[in-house]
Amino acid sequence: MFEGVRLRLTAWYVGVLILIVIATSIFTYFMLSRSLEHELNESLQSDARSIAFQLGESGIAGLMPTGSSGSDGEGGEEGEEEDREVRFFTPSSGDTFYLVVDPSGRILANPLNVSITGLPDKEAAQRAAERGEAWTDVGSGDDDYRLYSYAIRHERESIGVVQVGRSLEEHRRHMQEALIVLGLAGFAGVALATTGGLALSGRALAPARRAFQRQREFVADASHEVRTPLTIVRGNAEMLEVSAGDRLNNEEKRYLRGIVGQTRYLERLTEDLSRLARMDRGDAPLRIEEIELKALLEEAAADARLLVGGTGVEVRVSSPQVRLRADRDRIREVLLILLDNAVRAVGGGGHVTLAARETENGVDLEVVDDGPGIPEEHRRLVFERFHRVDTGRSRREGGSGLGLAIAKAIVEAHGGAISAERAPGGGAAIRLHLPA
């Protein structure tokens, strides 16, 4: 039990940590990507403006073909244009390239001999000439490029456009490296947290484990010590009832019957507590054998019909011929507990069905009644020790609140599972699965 709690606590702790790691990694990855992209964009803007500043109006005019600069064609001015020196800019980064184009996208200068598919980007040049700047991403084979187009203006008119670009491969490489680092760091953190969580949860549960162990030992010892005195009390009361019955009045007889009845109830309670304590300690090993399930169900139903008496409750069995490896006596005990509860819940004139069906990995059993059913808020609690849906009625009928807890312990000892659900007709349905 405590091992399961320990694993669940660790699972919750690790699960929350994984969510935190994932959220932190996504945020870090996103912020790093934005930072690198911002740095790239600022570098391209700085280079483009530096080129535009160095070129200026005179530089652009020097790049224009003869007659396109707006001159009147006189020789002196042409000589001046031919002698004008055009200086080119060296980018800040070795993988940065640039072109100088006119507002229509026609190349005016390509000093770095850039030969990339999609360049020059005429649409980007036209947008930059209109708006002052434009951003585009250009694809070329296996590589992509970030391109910044910046307009060179003279008297508010665009006379040229500088297109500066850089490969996005370095950005992708940095992001892949960051992803690997974040993944490895997250995996290492979760692994360390899992190891630490198991150790810490084990230490945190150690006091509770010791307290529970002492409680189990106390219950087992107390049950053993109380059983003999209760047997003596019941025996003496029954003997007194037989030997002095004629000398007792009705009220005294009623008191005596009450002593006998309550003593029997306490004997059943101590026996149930003792059995649960043995199961908790693992002192009640299963005797596994191959059993014929349908015959066992018929036998349990026959015993249940004796409990019915004259109430008119009908107990029916529906099962194929199935063979199962299990502890026959323990499974029969589970069936009797479930049938006894169902018969008590139905009352007079109702129906109780004990059914089984074979599945791929075992057998499913169910006990269904048409009684009032189990309220939804109680369905997960009915298998807890001392839990009663109707406390008053259970006590009047001699129930200790341990029957379903014993049934659950037996089923789980077989590696199975048991649950309480609502029957199709509105009653209660106790379903259990026994693995093959």
Protein backbone atom coordinates (compact mmCIF):
# COMPACT_ATOMS: atom_id res chain seq x y z
CA MET A 1 0.00 0.00 0.00
CA PHE A 2 2.69 2.49 1.00
CA GLU A 3 4.75 1.60 -2.07
CA GLY A 4 1.80 2.55 -4.24
CA VAL A 5 1.40 5.84 -2.37
CA ARG A 6 5.12 6.50 -2.72
CA LEU A 7 4.99 5.89 -6.47
CA ARG A 8 1.91 8.09 -6.88
CA LEU A 9 3.51 10.94 -4.92
CA THR A 10 6.66 10.68 -7.02
CA ALA A 11 4.60 10.52 -10.21
CA TRP A 12 2.70 13.68 -9.26
CA TYR A 13 5.93 15.45 -8.33
CA VAL A 14 7.70 14.42 -11.52
CA GLY A 15 4.62 15.22 -13.62
CA VAL A 16 4.45 18.76 -12.27
CA LEU A 17 8.19 19.14 -12.76
CA ILE A 18 7.93 17.93 -16.37
CA LEU A 19 5.24 20.52 -17.06
CA ILE A 20 7.43 23.23 -15.53
CA VAL A 21 10.47 22.06 -17.54
CA ILE A 22 8.45 21.98 -20.77
CA ALA A 23 6.97 25.43 -20.14
CA THR A 24 10.40 26.86 -19.21
CA SER A 25 12.07 25.25 -22.25
CA ILE A 26 9.42 26.58 -24.63
CA PHE A 27 9.73 30.06 -23.15
CA THR A 28 13.55 29.95 -23.27
CA TYR A 29 13.53 28.62 -26.84
CA PHE A 30 11.06 31.29 -27.94
CA MET A 31 12.94 34.13 -26.26
CA LEU A 32 16.31 32.93 -27.62
CA SER A 33 14.85 32.71 -31.13
CA ARG A 34 13.45 36.22 -30.85
CA SER A 35 16.76 37.54 -29.49
CA LEU A 36 18.80 35.98 -32.31
CA GLU A 37 16.30 37.16 -34.89
CA HIS A 38 16.31 40.66 -33.44
CA GLU A 39 20.12 40.69 -33.51
CA LEU A 40 20.10 39.51 -37.13
CA ASN A 41 17.57 42.17 -38.16
CA GLU A 42 19.46 44.96 -36.41
CA SER A 43 22.70 43.88 -38.09
CA LEU A 44 21.05 43.92 -41.53
CA GLN A 45 19.46 47.32 -40.88
CA SER A 46 22.79 48.75 -39.71
CA ASP A 47 24.63 47.45 -42.78
CA ALA A 48 21.95 48.67 -45.18
CA ARG A 49 21.92 52.18 -43.72
CA SER A 50 25.72 52.33 -43.73
CA ILE A 51 25.77 51.39 -47.41
CA ALA A 52 23.06 53.93 -48.20
CA PHE A 53 24.93 56.63 -46.28
CA GLN A 54 28.22 55.92 -48.07
CA LEU A 55 26.63 55.84 -51.48
CA GLY A 56 24.31 58.80 -51.14
CA GLU A 57 22.96 60.64 -54.16
CA SER A 58 26.29 61.00 -55.88
CA GLY A 59 27.14 57.33 -55.49
CA ILE A 60 23.83 56.24 -56.95
CA ALA A 61 24.31 58.64 -59.82
CA GLY A 62 27.69 57.10 -60.47
CA LEU A 63 26.11 53.67 -60.71
CA MET A 64 23.46 54.80 -63.19
CA PRO A 65 24.00 53.96 -66.86
CA THR A 66 24.96 56.90 -69.03
CA GLY A 67 22.02 59.19 -69.66
CA SER A 68 19.87 57.81 -66.89
CA SER A 69 20.99 60.24 -64.20
CA GLY A 70 18.92 63.04 -65.49
CA SER A 71 21.86 64.95 -67.21
CA ASP A 72 21.35 67.04 -70.33
CA GLY A 73 24.05 65.15 -72.22
CA GLU A 74 26.71 67.90 -72.27
CA GLY A 75 30.29 66.63 -72.46
CA GLY A 76 31.59 68.37 -69.42
CA GLU A 77 29.02 66.81 -67.13
CA GLU A 78 29.51 63.39 -68.70
CA GLY A 79 33.21 63.65 -68.03
CA GLU A 80 32.55 64.50 -64.45
CA GLU A 81 30.29 61.43 -64.06
CA GLU A 82 32.86 59.16 -65.67
CA ASP A 83 35.52 60.45 -63.29
CA ARG A 84 33.29 60.14 -60.18
CA GLU A 85 34.62 57.40 -57.86
CA VAL A 86 32.11 54.95 -56.37
CA ARG A 87 33.27 53.27 -53.16
CA PHE A 88 31.66 50.05 -51.91
CA PHE A 89 30.89 49.01 -48.36
CA THR A 90 32.40 46.00 -46.57
CA PRO A 91 29.70 44.17 -44.54
CA SER A 92 30.07 43.73 -40.80
CA SER A 93 29.70 39.94 -41.11
CA GLY A 94 31.46 37.70 -43.55
CA ASP A 95 28.27 35.94 -44.62
CA THR A 96 26.37 39.16 -45.28
CA PHE A 97 25.79 40.09 -48.94
CA TYR A 98 24.21 43.08 -50.60
CA LEU A 99 23.05 44.48 -53.89
CA VAL A 100 22.26 48.00 -55.05
CA VAL A 101 19.24 48.21 -57.32
CA ASP A 102 17.10 50.95 -58.76
CA PRO A 103 13.47 51.43 -57.56
CA SER A 104 12.26 48.99 -60.23
CA GLY A 105 14.60 46.24 -59.04
CA ARG A 106 17.24 46.46 -61.79
CA ILE A 107 20.77 45.75 -60.50
CA LEU A 108 23.03 48.78 -60.30
CA ALA A 109 25.88 47.17 -58.36
CA ASN A 110 26.83 43.66 -57.27
CA PRO A 111 30.31 44.11 -55.80
CA LEU A 112 30.30 40.74 -54.00
CA ASN A 113 29.15 38.86 -57.13
CA VAL A 114 26.05 37.55 -55.36
CA SER A 115 24.37 34.77 -57.32
CA ILE A 116 21.33 33.58 -55.39
CA THR A 117 18.06 32.41 -56.86
CA GLY A 118 15.38 35.01 -56.25
CA LEU A 119 17.78 37.97 -56.15
CA PRO A 120 17.31 40.76 -56.71
CA ASP A 121 13.85 40.75 -55.19
CA LYS A 122 12.09 43.25 -57.44
CA GLU A 123 8.84 43.26 -55.44
CA ALA A 124 10.73 44.00 -52.23
CA ALA A 125 12.65 46.77 -53.99
CA GLN A 126 9.43 48.35 -55.20
CA ARG A 127 7.85 48.14 -51.73
CA ALA A 128 10.96 49.66 -50.16
CA ALA A 129 10.94 52.47 -52.74
CA GLU A 130 7.34 53.22 -51.73
CA ARG A 131 7.52 52.67 -47.96
CA GLY A 132 11.19 53.18 -47.14
CA GLU A 133 12.02 49.57 -46.21
CA ALA A 134 10.84 45.99 -46.67
CA TRP A 135 11.59 42.60 -45.13
CA THR A 136 11.45 39.30 -47.05
CA ASP A 137 12.77 35.77 -46.71
CA VAL A 138 14.26 34.34 -49.89
CA GLY A 139 14.52 30.59 -50.47
CA SER A 140 17.34 29.14 -52.53
CA GLY A 141 17.66 25.39 -52.68
CA ASP A 142 18.42 24.03 -49.20
CA ASP A 143 19.18 27.46 -47.74
CA ASP A 144 17.01 30.43 -46.77
CA TYR A 145 18.04 34.08 -46.52
CA ARG A 146 16.70 37.07 -44.61
CA LEU A 147 16.64 40.07 -46.95
CA TYR A 148 16.30 43.71 -45.92
CA SER A 149 15.58 46.33 -48.57
CA TYR A 150 16.29 49.95 -47.69
CA ALA A 151 15.50 52.93 -49.91
CA ILE A 152 18.06 55.66 -50.68
CA ARG A 153 16.09 58.90 -50.98
CA HIS A 154 16.81 62.33 -52.40
CA GLU A 155 14.31 65.07 -51.74
CA ARG A 156 11.74 62.46 -50.61
CA GLU A 157 12.12 60.50 -53.81
CA SER A 158 13.64 57.01 -53.91
CA ILE A 159 16.63 56.97 -56.22
CA GLY A 160 17.84 53.49 -55.31
CA VAL A 161 17.43 50.53 -53.00
CA VAL A 162 20.02 48.64 -51.00
CA GLN A 163 19.16 44.94 -50.51
CA VAL A 164 21.20 43.38 -47.71
CA GLY A 165 20.82 39.71 -46.78
CA ARG A 166 22.26 36.96 -44.66
CA SER A 167 21.78 33.21 -44.55
CA LEU A 168 19.43 31.84 -41.87
CA GLU A 169 21.51 28.69 -41.55
CA GLU A 170 23.46 30.03 -38.57
CA HIS A 171 20.20 30.99 -36.83
CA ARG A 172 18.82 27.48 -37.39
CA ARG A 173 22.06 25.92 -36.15
CA HIS A 174 21.98 27.97 -32.96
CA MET A 175 18.35 27.02 -32.36
CA GLN A 176 19.07 23.31 -32.94
CA GLU A 177 21.95 23.47 -30.48
CA ALA A 178 19.71 25.24 -27.97
CA LEU A 179 17.03 22.59 -28.46
CA ILE A 180 19.54 19.81 -27.80
CA VAL A 181 20.90 21.56 -24.70
CA LEU A 182 17.41 22.22 -23.34
CA GLY A 183 16.36 18.62 -24.04
CA LEU A 184 19.41 17.12 -22.35
CA ALA A 185 19.14 19.48 -19.39
CA GLY A 186 15.43 18.76 -19.02
CA PHE A 187 16.00 14.98 -19.23
CA ALA A 188 18.81 15.13 -16.67
CA GLY A 189 16.69 17.31 -14.37
CA VAL A 190 13.70 14.98 -14.58
CA ALA A 191 15.91 11.92 -13.99
CA LEU A 192 17.51 13.51 -10.94
CA ALA A 193 14.11 14.70 -9.70
CA THR A 194 12.66 11.21 -10.08
CA THR A 195 15.51 9.67 -8.10
CA GLY A 196 15.31 12.37 -5.46
CA GLY A 197 11.51 12.20 -5.36
CA LEU A 198 11.57 8.46 -4.70
CA ALA A 199 14.11 8.92 -1.93
CA LEU A 200 12.32 11.87 -0.33
CA SER A 201 8.85 10.30 -0.57
CA GLY A 202 10.24 7.11 0.98
CA ARG A 203 11.67 9.10 3.89
CA ALA A 204 8.49 11.17 4.26
CA LEU A 205 6.32 8.06 4.39
CA ALA A 206 8.60 6.17 6.77
CA PRO A 207 6.87 7.49 9.95
CA ALA A 208 3.45 6.71 8.52
CA ARG A 209 4.65 3.25 7.50
CA ARG A 210 5.90 2.56 11.03
CA ALA A 211 2.68 3.90 12.56
CA PHE A 212 0.58 1.75 10.25
CA GLN A 213 2.70 -1.28 11.04
CA ARG A 214 2.20 -0.71 14.76
CA GLN A 215 -1.52 -0.28 14.17
CA ARG A 216 -1.73 -3.57 12.25
CA GLU A 217 0.16 -5.37 14.98
CA PHE A 218 -2.11 -3.84 17.61
CA VAL A 219 -5.25 -4.87 15.71
CA ALA A 220 -3.94 -8.40 15.23
CA ASP A 221 -2.89 -8.75 18.87
CA ALA A 222 -6.08 -7.16 20.20
CA SER A 223 -8.25 -9.36 18.00
CA HIS A 224 -6.43 -12.43 19.21
CA GLU A 225 -6.66 -11.42 22.87
CA VAL A 226 -10.33 -10.38 22.73
CA ARG A 227 -11.55 -13.48 20.89
CA THR A 228 -11.25 -15.86 23.87
CA PRO A 229 -13.03 -13.63 26.44
CA LEU A 230 -15.85 -12.97 23.96
CA THR A 231 -16.28 -16.69 23.38
CA ILE A 232 -16.47 -17.26 27.14
CA VAL A 233 -19.00 -14.43 27.58
CA ARG A 234 -21.19 -15.75 24.78
CA GLY A 235 -20.96 -19.32 26.08
CA ASN A 236 -21.92 -18.30 29.62
CA ALA A 237 -24.80 -16.16 28.34
CA GLU A 238 -26.15 -18.98 26.20
CA MET A 239 -25.79 -21.42 29.07
CA LEU A 240 -27.59 -19.02 31.40
CA GLU A 241 -30.33 -18.59 28.80
CA VAL A 242 -30.86 -22.35 28.63
CA SER A 243 -30.51 -23.21 32.31
CA ALA A 244 -32.35 -20.27 33.86
CA GLY A 245 -34.74 -19.47 31.06
CA ASP A 246 -37.85 -20.50 33.07
CA ARG A 247 -36.91 -18.26 36.00
CA LEU A 248 -36.37 -15.12 33.90
CA ASN A 249 -39.08 -12.69 32.97
CA ASN A 250 -39.49 -11.38 29.44
CA GLU A 251 -37.44 -8.26 30.02
CA GLU A 252 -34.54 -10.26 31.49
CA LYS A 253 -34.73 -12.70 28.57
CA ARG A 254 -34.54 -9.75 26.18
CA TYR A 255 -31.46 -8.44 27.97
CA LEU A 256 -29.86 -11.86 27.80
CA ARG A 257 -30.60 -12.23 24.09
CA GLY A 258 -29.09 -8.81 23.54
CA ILE A 259 -25.89 -9.90 25.31
CA VAL A 260 -25.67 -13.03 23.15
CA GLY A 261 -26.38 -11.10 19.93
CA GLN A 262 -23.89 -8.33 20.59
CA THR A 263 -21.26 -10.83 21.68
CA ARG A 264 -21.68 -12.70 18.40
CA TYR A 265 -21.37 -9.40 16.55
CA LEU A 266 -18.12 -8.62 18.40
CA GLU A 267 -16.81 -12.10 17.64
CA ARG A 268 -17.47 -11.59 13.92
CA LEU A 269 -15.87 -8.17 14.09
CA THR A 270 -12.71 -9.44 15.80
CA GLU A 271 -12.50 -12.33 13.35
CA ASP A 272 -12.77 -9.93 10.40
CA LEU A 273 -10.15 -7.62 11.90
CA SER A 274 -7.85 -10.54 12.51
CA ARG A 275 -8.22 -11.76 8.93
CA LEU A 276 -7.55 -8.31 7.49
CA ALA A 277 -4.47 -7.98 9.69
CA ARG A 278 -3.20 -11.33 8.42
CA MET A 279 -3.81 -10.25 4.82
CA ASP A 280 -1.97 -6.98 5.42
CA ARG A 281 0.99 -8.89 6.81
CA GLY A 282 0.89 -11.42 3.99
CA ASP A 283 0.26 -14.26 6.43
CA ALA A 284 -2.69 -15.61 4.43
CA PRO A 285 -1.18 -17.13 1.29
CA LEU A 286 -3.46 -18.16 -1.56
CA ARG A 287 -3.93 -21.81 -2.45
CA ILE A 288 -4.17 -21.56 -6.22
CA GLU A 289 -5.89 -24.39 -8.06
CA GLU A 290 -7.90 -24.86 -11.22
CA ILE A 291 -11.62 -24.46 -10.51
CA GLU A 292 -14.82 -24.79 -12.50
CA LEU A 293 -16.30 -21.33 -12.18
CA LYS A 294 -19.92 -22.12 -13.03
CA ALA A 295 -20.09 -24.84 -10.36
CA LEU A 296 -18.62 -22.43 -7.81
CA LEU A 297 -21.19 -19.77 -8.71
CA GLU A 298 -24.03 -22.28 -8.34
CA GLU A 299 -22.70 -23.31 -4.96
CA ALA A 300 -22.45 -19.71 -3.75
CA ALA A 301 -25.96 -18.98 -5.05
CA ALA A 302 -27.33 -22.01 -3.17
CA ASP A 303 -25.80 -20.72 0.05
CA ALA A 304 -27.25 -17.29 -0.63
CA ARG A 305 -30.73 -18.77 -1.06
CA LEU A 306 -30.46 -20.11 2.48
CA LEU A 307 -29.87 -16.53 3.62
CA VAL A 308 -33.00 -15.41 1.78
CA GLY A 309 -35.30 -17.50 3.95
CA GLY A 310 -38.89 -16.48 3.35
CA THR A 311 -38.16 -13.02 1.96
CA GLY A 312 -38.96 -14.07 -1.61
CA VAL A 313 -35.68 -12.80 -3.06
CA GLU A 314 -34.73 -14.67 -6.24
CA VAL A 315 -31.05 -15.46 -6.79
CA ARG A 316 -30.12 -16.28 -10.38
CA VAL A 317 -26.86 -17.48 -11.97
CA SER A 318 -25.66 -16.80 -15.50
CA SER A 319 -22.28 -18.22 -16.44
CA PRO A 320 -20.60 -20.22 -19.21
CA GLN A 321 -18.37 -23.20 -18.53
CA VAL A 322 -15.13 -21.47 -17.58
CA ARG A 323 -12.06 -22.82 -15.85
CA LEU A 324 -10.02 -20.46 -13.74
CA ARG A 325 -6.89 -20.73 -11.62
CA ALA A 326 -7.61 -19.16 -8.23
CA ASP A 327 -8.06 -19.89 -4.52
CA ARG A 328 -11.46 -21.59 -4.53
CA ASP A 329 -12.35 -20.91 -0.91
CA ARG A 330 -11.36 -17.26 -1.10
CA ILE A 331 -13.32 -16.60 -4.30
CA ARG A 332 -16.33 -18.38 -2.77
CA GLU A 333 -16.01 -16.13 0.27
CA VAL A 334 -15.98 -13.04 -1.96
CA LEU A 335 -19.13 -14.22 -3.75
CA LEU A 336 -20.92 -14.90 -0.45
CA ILE A 337 -20.02 -11.41 0.85
CA LEU A 338 -21.36 -9.78 -2.30
CA LEU A 339 -24.50 -11.94 -2.40
CA ASP A 340 -25.20 -11.35 1.28
CA ASN A 341 -24.98 -7.57 0.78
CA ALA A 342 -27.18 -7.76 -2.32
CA VAL A 343 -29.85 -9.88 -0.60
CA ARG A 344 -29.96 -7.51 2.38
CA ALA A 345 -30.25 -4.49 0.05
CA VAL A 346 -33.05 -5.93 -2.10
CA GLY A 347 -35.45 -6.90 0.66
CA GLY A 348 -38.58 -8.89 -0.11
CA GLY A 349 -39.54 -9.88 -3.65
CA GLY A 350 -36.43 -8.60 -5.44
CA HIS A 351 -33.90 -10.21 -7.74
CA VAL A 352 -30.16 -10.80 -7.45
CA THR A 353 -28.12 -11.98 -10.45
CA LEU A 354 -24.69 -13.56 -10.24
CA ALA A 355 -23.11 -13.53 -13.71
CA ALA A 356 -19.72 -14.31 -15.26
CA ARG A 357 -18.19 -13.99 -18.69
CA GLU A 358 -14.82 -14.92 -20.09
CA THR A 359 -12.55 -12.21 -21.51
CA GLU A 360 -9.24 -12.25 -23.36
CA ASN A 361 -7.21 -11.77 -20.20
CA GLY A 362 -9.38 -13.38 -17.52
CA VAL A 363 -12.92 -13.50 -16.19
CA ASP A 364 -15.38 -10.73 -15.33
CA LEU A 365 -17.86 -11.39 -12.50
CA GLU A 366 -20.75 -9.23 -11.35
CA VAL A 367 -23.43 -9.29 -8.70
CA VAL A 368 -26.40 -7.15 -9.72
CA ASP A 369 -29.49 -6.40 -7.66
CA ASP A 370 -32.61 -4.32 -8.19
CA GLY A 371 -32.49 -2.66 -4.80
CA PRO A 372 -32.08 1.05 -4.06
CA GLY A 373 -28.50 1.09 -5.37
CA ILE A 374 -25.41 2.78 -3.98
CA PRO A 375 -25.31 6.60 -4.08
CA GLU A 376 -22.62 7.92 -6.38
CA GLU A 377 -20.68 9.61 -3.57
CA HIS A 378 -20.36 6.24 -1.77
CA ARG A 379 -19.29 4.06 -4.71
CA ARG A 380 -15.58 4.68 -4.30
CA LEU A 381 -15.79 4.38 -0.50
CA VAL A 382 -17.81 1.20 0.00
CA PHE A 383 -14.63 -0.90 -0.08
CA GLU A 384 -13.01 1.13 2.70
CA ARG A 385 -12.92 -0.44 6.13
CA PHE A 386 -15.89 0.36 8.38
CA HIS A 387 -17.60 2.41 5.67
CA ARG A 388 -21.38 1.97 5.62
CA VAL A 389 -23.86 3.48 3.19
CA ASP A 390 -26.69 3.18 5.75
CA THR A 391 -25.07 3.11 9.17
CA GLY A 392 -28.24 2.43 11.13
CA ARG A 393 -29.46 -0.44 8.99
CA SER A 394 -26.02 -2.04 8.74
CA ARG A 395 -25.66 -2.07 12.51
CA ARG A 396 -29.16 -3.46 13.05
CA GLU A 397 -28.45 -6.27 10.59
CA GLY A 398 -25.14 -7.11 12.24
CA GLY A 399 -22.88 -5.67 9.57
CA SER A 400 -19.40 -4.60 10.63
CA GLY A 401 -18.48 -2.62 7.56
CA LEU A 402 -15.55 -4.94 6.79
CA GLY A 403 -17.11 -7.40 4.33
CA LEU A 404 -16.41 -5.45 1.16
CA ALA A 405 -12.95 -4.52 2.46
CA ILE A 406 -12.20 -8.24 2.85
CA ALA A 407 -13.59 -8.93 -0.62
CA LYS A 408 -11.39 -6.22 -2.11
CA ALA A 409 -8.30 -7.57 -0.33
CA ILE A 410 -8.96 -11.09 -1.65
CA VAL A 411 -9.57 -9.89 -5.22
CA GLU A 412 -6.44 -7.73 -5.21
CA ALA A 413 -4.42 -10.62 -3.78
CA HIS A 414 -5.40 -12.48 -6.97
CA GLY A 415 -4.18 -9.53 -9.05
CA GLY A 416 -7.73 -8.45 -9.89
CA ALA A 417 -9.85 -5.35 -9.42
CA ILE A 418 -13.29 -4.66 -7.96
CA SER A 419 -15.64 -1.70 -8.34
CA ALA A 420 -19.16 -0.56 -7.46
CA GLU A 421 -21.38 0.84 -10.20
CA ARG A 422 -24.99 1.61 -10.95
CA ALA A 423 -26.97 -1.28 -12.42
CA PRO A 424 -28.96 -0.68 -15.64
CA GLY A 425 -32.21 -1.07 -13.69
CA GLY A 426 -31.16 1.40 -11.00
CA GLY A 427 -29.85 -1.03 -8.40
CA ALA A 428 -26.26 -1.81 -7.41
CA ALA A 429 -23.74 -3.68 -9.53
CA ILE A 430 -20.50 -4.94 -7.98
CA ARG A 431 -18.11 -5.90 -10.75
CA LEU A 432 -14.79 -7.65 -10.36
CA HIS A 433 -12.13 -8.88 -12.73
CA LEU A 434 -9.94 -11.90 -12.10
CA PRO A 435 -6.93 -12.27 -14.44
CA ALA A 436 -6.20 -15.50 -16.23
